[in-house]
Amino acid sequence: MGTPNDQAVLQAIFNPNAPFGDVVGLDLEEAEKGDEGALEDLERAVTLSGGRGRAARQSFVQRGLLARFQGRDEDARRDFEQAARLGSLFARRQLVLLNPYAALCNRMLADMMGQLRAPSNGR
């Protein structure tokens, strides 16, 4: 369903905590060829919207996801910041995930919660 790039973006949206390299069957070189012109479409949407409104917010989020997927974290951070200013909760979460200290804290908290939920071996 969709191209490998589409699948990677959907993976990032629906599983924001998963690393971008964990998409099964994804050939990164194939996905990064840019045959779809998605980035150009997003640039045009941002331009036409004047960087305001729902279309701009979603375009910033999608462009940020593409940047993250391509390993351009600073570009992703700028787009997520723009989307967050326009009210995107998803973009705010992505900004937290881009912060290495916050990501470490989230990982430690998740591990700790997992240990609390684990069965207590007969105790």
N, C-alpha and C. Protein backbone atom coordinates (compact mmCIF):
# COMPACT_ATOMS: atom_id res chain seq x y z
N MET A 1 0.85 -1.17 0.00
CA MET A 1 0.00 0.00 0.00
C MET A 1 0.89 1.23 0.00
N GLY A 2 0.92 1.95 -1.10
CA GLY A 2 1.74 3.16 -1.20
C GLY A 2 3.19 2.85 -1.47
N THR A 3 3.95 3.89 -1.65
CA THR A 3 5.39 3.73 -1.90
C THR A 3 6.12 3.51 -0.58
N PRO A 4 7.38 3.07 -0.64
CA PRO A 4 8.14 2.92 0.60
C PRO A 4 8.22 4.23 1.39
N ASN A 5 8.31 5.35 0.70
CA ASN A 5 8.37 6.64 1.38
C ASN A 5 7.05 6.91 2.10
N ASP A 6 5.92 6.62 1.44
CA ASP A 6 4.61 6.78 2.08
C ASP A 6 4.52 5.92 3.33
N GLN A 7 4.98 4.69 3.22
CA GLN A 7 4.94 3.77 4.36
C GLN A 7 5.80 4.28 5.51
N ALA A 8 6.94 4.86 5.19
CA ALA A 8 7.82 5.40 6.24
C ALA A 8 7.19 6.58 6.94
N VAL A 9 6.53 7.45 6.18
CA VAL A 9 5.87 8.60 6.78
C VAL A 9 4.71 8.15 7.66
N LEU A 10 3.92 7.19 7.17
CA LEU A 10 2.83 6.66 7.99
C LEU A 10 3.35 6.00 9.25
N GLN A 11 4.45 5.28 9.13
CA GLN A 11 5.09 4.67 10.31
C GLN A 11 5.45 5.75 11.32
N ALA A 12 6.00 6.86 10.85
CA ALA A 12 6.40 7.94 11.75
C ALA A 12 5.18 8.59 12.40
N ILE A 13 4.07 8.68 11.67
CA ILE A 13 2.87 9.30 12.23
C ILE A 13 2.22 8.39 13.27
N PHE A 14 2.05 7.12 12.93
CA PHE A 14 1.31 6.22 13.82
C PHE A 14 2.18 5.58 14.89
N ASN A 15 3.48 5.60 14.72
CA ASN A 15 4.41 5.06 15.72
C ASN A 15 5.54 6.08 15.94
N PRO A 16 5.22 7.23 16.54
CA PRO A 16 6.21 8.30 16.64
C PRO A 16 7.43 7.95 17.49
N ASN A 17 7.33 6.93 18.32
CA ASN A 17 8.48 6.56 19.15
C ASN A 17 9.41 5.57 18.47
N ALA A 18 8.98 5.02 17.35
CA ALA A 18 9.81 4.04 16.64
C ALA A 18 10.89 4.75 15.84
N PRO A 19 12.09 4.17 15.82
CA PRO A 19 13.15 4.76 14.98
C PRO A 19 12.75 4.72 13.51
N PHE A 20 13.23 5.67 12.74
CA PHE A 20 12.84 5.77 11.34
C PHE A 20 13.42 4.65 10.50
N GLY A 21 14.46 3.97 10.97
CA GLY A 21 15.04 2.88 10.21
C GLY A 21 14.35 1.56 10.39
N ASP A 22 13.27 1.51 11.18
CA ASP A 22 12.62 0.25 11.51
C ASP A 22 11.42 -0.08 10.64
N VAL A 23 11.36 0.44 9.44
CA VAL A 23 10.25 0.13 8.55
C VAL A 23 10.64 -1.12 7.76
N VAL A 24 9.92 -2.21 8.00
CA VAL A 24 10.25 -3.49 7.37
C VAL A 24 10.14 -3.37 5.86
N GLY A 25 11.17 -3.84 5.15
CA GLY A 25 11.16 -3.85 3.70
C GLY A 25 11.46 -2.50 3.06
N LEU A 26 11.85 -1.51 3.85
CA LEU A 26 12.10 -0.18 3.31
C LEU A 26 13.53 -0.09 2.79
N ASP A 27 13.66 0.27 1.53
CA ASP A 27 14.97 0.53 0.93
C ASP A 27 15.16 2.04 0.97
N LEU A 28 16.01 2.53 1.87
CA LEU A 28 16.16 3.97 2.07
C LEU A 28 16.54 4.69 0.79
N GLU A 29 17.40 4.10 -0.01
CA GLU A 29 17.81 4.78 -1.25
C GLU A 29 16.63 4.92 -2.20
N GLU A 30 15.80 3.88 -2.27
CA GLU A 30 14.61 3.93 -3.13
C GLU A 30 13.64 5.00 -2.63
N ALA A 31 13.47 5.08 -1.31
CA ALA A 31 12.51 6.04 -0.73
C ALA A 31 13.00 7.47 -0.86
N GLU A 32 14.31 7.67 -0.95
CA GLU A 32 14.85 9.02 -0.98
C GLU A 32 15.07 9.55 -2.40
N LYS A 33 14.64 8.81 -3.41
CA LYS A 33 14.83 9.27 -4.78
C LYS A 33 14.03 10.53 -5.07
N GLY A 34 12.92 10.71 -4.37
CA GLY A 34 12.13 11.92 -4.57
C GLY A 34 11.28 11.89 -5.82
N ASP A 35 10.94 10.69 -6.31
CA ASP A 35 10.16 10.59 -7.54
C ASP A 35 8.75 11.17 -7.40
N GLU A 36 8.21 11.23 -6.17
CA GLU A 36 6.81 11.67 -6.02
C GLU A 36 6.66 13.17 -6.08
N GLY A 37 7.66 13.92 -5.75
CA GLY A 37 7.53 15.37 -5.70
C GLY A 37 6.79 15.84 -4.47
N ALA A 38 6.74 15.03 -3.42
CA ALA A 38 6.01 15.38 -2.20
C ALA A 38 6.57 16.65 -1.56
N LEU A 39 7.88 16.76 -1.52
CA LEU A 39 8.48 17.93 -0.89
C LEU A 39 8.11 19.21 -1.63
N GLU A 40 8.10 19.15 -2.95
CA GLU A 40 7.70 20.32 -3.73
C GLU A 40 6.25 20.70 -3.46
N ASP A 41 5.39 19.68 -3.33
CA ASP A 41 3.98 19.93 -3.02
C ASP A 41 3.83 20.59 -1.65
N LEU A 42 4.61 20.12 -0.69
CA LEU A 42 4.55 20.70 0.66
C LEU A 42 5.06 22.14 0.66
N GLU A 43 6.13 22.39 -0.09
CA GLU A 43 6.65 23.76 -0.19
C GLU A 43 5.58 24.68 -0.77
N ARG A 44 4.91 24.20 -1.80
CA ARG A 44 3.86 25.00 -2.44
C ARG A 44 2.69 25.25 -1.49
N ALA A 45 2.32 24.25 -0.72
CA ALA A 45 1.22 24.42 0.25
C ALA A 45 1.58 25.46 1.30
N VAL A 46 2.82 25.44 1.77
CA VAL A 46 3.26 26.44 2.75
C VAL A 46 3.22 27.84 2.12
N THR A 47 3.70 27.94 0.89
CA THR A 47 3.72 29.24 0.21
C THR A 47 2.30 29.76 -0.02
N LEU A 48 1.43 28.91 -0.56
CA LEU A 48 0.06 29.34 -0.85
C LEU A 48 -0.73 29.70 0.41
N SER A 49 -0.43 29.03 1.52
CA SER A 49 -1.14 29.31 2.77
C SER A 49 -0.58 30.51 3.50
N GLY A 50 0.56 30.99 3.04
CA GLY A 50 1.21 32.09 3.75
C GLY A 50 1.75 31.67 5.11
N GLY A 51 1.91 30.36 5.30
CA GLY A 51 2.42 29.87 6.58
C GLY A 51 1.40 29.96 7.70
N ARG A 52 0.13 30.07 7.34
CA ARG A 52 -0.93 30.20 8.36
C ARG A 52 -2.04 29.19 8.08
N GLY A 53 -2.75 28.82 9.14
CA GLY A 53 -3.92 27.97 8.98
C GLY A 53 -3.62 26.48 9.01
N ARG A 54 -4.70 25.72 8.84
CA ARG A 54 -4.64 24.26 8.94
C ARG A 54 -3.75 23.64 7.86
N ALA A 55 -3.84 24.15 6.64
CA ALA A 55 -3.01 23.59 5.55
C ALA A 55 -1.53 23.78 5.84
N ALA A 56 -1.17 24.95 6.33
CA ALA A 56 0.23 25.21 6.67
C ALA A 56 0.68 24.31 7.82
N ARG A 57 -0.17 24.19 8.84
CA ARG A 57 0.17 23.35 10.00
C ARG A 57 0.46 21.93 9.55
N GLN A 58 -0.42 21.36 8.74
CA GLN A 58 -0.21 19.99 8.29
C GLN A 58 0.99 19.87 7.36
N SER A 59 1.21 20.87 6.54
CA SER A 59 2.37 20.86 5.64
C SER A 59 3.67 20.90 6.41
N PHE A 60 3.72 21.74 7.45
CA PHE A 60 4.92 21.80 8.29
C PHE A 60 5.18 20.45 8.96
N VAL A 61 4.11 19.81 9.45
CA VAL A 61 4.26 18.50 10.09
C VAL A 61 4.81 17.49 9.09
N GLN A 62 4.20 17.42 7.92
CA GLN A 62 4.64 16.43 6.93
C GLN A 62 6.05 16.71 6.44
N ARG A 63 6.37 17.99 6.22
CA ARG A 63 7.72 18.34 5.79
C ARG A 63 8.73 18.01 6.89
N GLY A 64 8.33 18.23 8.13
CA GLY A 64 9.20 17.88 9.26
C GLY A 64 9.44 16.39 9.34
N LEU A 65 8.39 15.60 9.09
CA LEU A 65 8.55 14.15 9.11
C LEU A 65 9.49 13.68 8.00
N LEU A 66 9.35 14.28 6.82
CA LEU A 66 10.27 13.92 5.72
C LEU A 66 11.71 14.29 6.08
N ALA A 67 11.89 15.45 6.67
CA ALA A 67 13.23 15.87 7.07
C ALA A 67 13.81 14.91 8.11
N ARG A 68 12.99 14.52 9.07
CA ARG A 68 13.46 13.57 10.09
C ARG A 68 13.83 12.25 9.46
N PHE A 69 13.01 11.80 8.56
CA PHE A 69 13.25 10.53 7.88
C PHE A 69 14.57 10.57 7.12
N GLN A 70 14.91 11.74 6.58
CA GLN A 70 16.15 11.90 5.82
C GLN A 70 17.33 12.26 6.72
N GLY A 71 17.12 12.31 8.03
CA GLY A 71 18.21 12.59 8.96
C GLY A 71 18.55 14.07 9.09
N ARG A 72 17.67 14.95 8.64
CA ARG A 72 17.89 16.39 8.74
C ARG A 72 17.12 16.93 9.94
N ASP A 73 17.63 16.60 11.14
CA ASP A 73 16.89 16.90 12.36
C ASP A 73 16.70 18.39 12.61
N GLU A 74 17.65 19.22 12.23
CA GLU A 74 17.48 20.66 12.45
C GLU A 74 16.38 21.24 11.56
N ASP A 75 16.30 20.79 10.32
CA ASP A 75 15.21 21.20 9.45
C ASP A 75 13.87 20.71 10.01
N ALA A 76 13.87 19.47 10.49
CA ALA A 76 12.66 18.90 11.08
C ALA A 76 12.24 19.73 12.30
N ARG A 77 13.20 20.09 13.13
CA ARG A 77 12.90 20.87 14.33
C ARG A 77 12.24 22.21 13.96
N ARG A 78 12.76 22.88 12.94
CA ARG A 78 12.18 24.16 12.52
C ARG A 78 10.74 23.99 12.04
N ASP A 79 10.50 22.94 11.24
CA ASP A 79 9.14 22.71 10.75
C ASP A 79 8.19 22.33 11.88
N PHE A 80 8.66 21.49 12.81
CA PHE A 80 7.80 21.11 13.93
C PHE A 80 7.52 22.31 14.83
N GLU A 81 8.50 23.20 14.99
CA GLU A 81 8.26 24.41 15.78
C GLU A 81 7.18 25.27 15.13
N GLN A 82 7.24 25.41 13.81
CA GLN A 82 6.21 26.18 13.09
C GLN A 82 4.84 25.53 13.27
N ALA A 83 4.78 24.21 13.10
CA ALA A 83 3.50 23.50 13.24
C ALA A 83 2.98 23.60 14.67
N ALA A 84 3.88 23.52 15.65
CA ALA A 84 3.46 23.64 17.05
C ALA A 84 2.88 25.03 17.33
N ARG A 85 3.50 26.06 16.76
CA ARG A 85 2.96 27.42 16.93
C ARG A 85 1.57 27.54 16.34
N LEU A 86 1.29 26.72 15.33
CA LEU A 86 -0.03 26.74 14.70
C LEU A 86 -1.01 25.78 15.39
N GLY A 87 -0.57 25.16 16.49
CA GLY A 87 -1.47 24.34 17.30
C GLY A 87 -1.36 22.84 17.15
N SER A 88 -0.33 22.33 16.49
CA SER A 88 -0.21 20.89 16.30
C SER A 88 0.37 20.21 17.54
N LEU A 89 -0.46 19.37 18.18
CA LEU A 89 0.02 18.60 19.32
C LEU A 89 1.02 17.54 18.89
N PHE A 90 0.81 16.98 17.70
CA PHE A 90 1.75 15.98 17.17
C PHE A 90 3.13 16.60 17.00
N ALA A 91 3.19 17.83 16.48
CA ALA A 91 4.48 18.51 16.29
C ALA A 91 5.16 18.76 17.64
N ARG A 92 4.38 19.10 18.65
CA ARG A 92 4.96 19.30 19.99
C ARG A 92 5.59 18.01 20.49
N ARG A 93 4.91 16.90 20.27
CA ARG A 93 5.46 15.61 20.69
C ARG A 93 6.75 15.29 19.93
N GLN A 94 6.77 15.59 18.65
CA GLN A 94 7.97 15.35 17.86
C GLN A 94 9.14 16.21 18.36
N LEU A 95 8.85 17.43 18.77
CA LEU A 95 9.90 18.30 19.32
C LEU A 95 10.49 17.69 20.59
N VAL A 96 9.64 17.12 21.42
CA VAL A 96 10.13 16.47 22.63
C VAL A 96 11.01 15.29 22.25
N LEU A 97 10.57 14.51 21.26
CA LEU A 97 11.34 13.34 20.84
C LEU A 97 12.68 13.72 20.21
N LEU A 98 12.75 14.91 19.62
CA LEU A 98 14.01 15.37 19.03
C LEU A 98 15.01 15.83 20.09
N ASN A 99 14.52 16.10 21.29
CA ASN A 99 15.39 16.50 22.39
C ASN A 99 16.01 15.23 22.98
N PRO A 100 17.32 15.06 22.88
CA PRO A 100 17.93 13.80 23.33
C PRO A 100 17.72 13.54 24.82
N TYR A 101 17.70 14.58 25.64
CA TYR A 101 17.49 14.38 27.07
C TYR A 101 16.06 13.95 27.36
N ALA A 102 15.12 14.55 26.67
CA ALA A 102 13.72 14.16 26.85
C ALA A 102 13.50 12.74 26.35
N ALA A 103 14.14 12.40 25.23
CA ALA A 103 14.00 11.05 24.69
C ALA A 103 14.55 10.03 25.69
N LEU A 104 15.70 10.34 26.31
CA LEU A 104 16.28 9.44 27.31
C LEU A 104 15.35 9.29 28.50
N CYS A 105 14.78 10.40 28.97
CA CYS A 105 13.85 10.35 30.10
C CYS A 105 12.61 9.53 29.74
N ASN A 106 12.09 9.73 28.52
CA ASN A 106 10.92 8.96 28.09
C ASN A 106 11.23 7.48 28.04
N ARG A 107 12.40 7.13 27.55
CA ARG A 107 12.81 5.72 27.47
C ARG A 107 12.93 5.12 28.87
N MET A 108 13.57 5.86 29.78
CA MET A 108 13.73 5.37 31.15
C MET A 108 12.37 5.20 31.83
N LEU A 109 11.48 6.15 31.63
CA LEU A 109 10.14 6.07 32.21
C LEU A 109 9.37 4.87 31.65
N ALA A 110 9.46 4.67 30.34
CA ALA A 110 8.78 3.53 29.73
C ALA A 110 9.33 2.22 30.27
N ASP A 111 10.65 2.12 30.42
CA ASP A 111 11.26 0.91 30.98
C ASP A 111 10.78 0.68 32.41
N MET A 112 10.75 1.74 33.19
CA MET A 112 10.33 1.63 34.58
C MET A 112 8.86 1.19 34.67
N MET A 113 8.01 1.78 33.83
CA MET A 113 6.60 1.40 33.83
C MET A 113 6.44 -0.05 33.39
N GLY A 114 7.24 -0.48 32.43
CA GLY A 114 7.20 -1.88 31.99
C GLY A 114 7.58 -2.83 33.11
N GLN A 115 8.56 -2.45 33.91
CA GLN A 115 8.97 -3.29 35.04
C GLN A 115 7.88 -3.34 36.10
N LEU A 116 7.18 -2.25 36.30
CA LEU A 116 6.10 -2.24 37.29
C LEU A 116 4.93 -3.11 36.86
N ARG A 117 4.70 -3.21 35.56
CA ARG A 117 3.59 -4.00 35.04
C ARG A 117 3.93 -5.48 34.91
N ALA A 118 5.22 -5.81 34.93
CA ALA A 118 5.63 -7.21 34.76
C ALA A 118 5.14 -8.05 35.93
N PRO A 119 4.79 -9.32 35.67
CA PRO A 119 4.35 -10.19 36.78
C PRO A 119 5.48 -10.36 37.79
N SER A 120 5.10 -10.58 39.03
CA SER A 120 6.09 -10.57 40.11
C SER A 120 6.63 -11.94 40.46
N ASN A 121 6.78 -12.85 39.51
CA ASN A 121 7.40 -14.17 39.69
C ASN A 121 6.95 -14.88 40.96
N GLY A 122 5.67 -14.98 41.20
CA GLY A 122 5.14 -15.75 42.32
C GLY A 122 5.14 -15.03 43.65
N ARG A 123 5.44 -13.76 43.68
CA ARG A 123 5.44 -13.03 44.97
C ARG A 123 4.11 -12.42 45.25
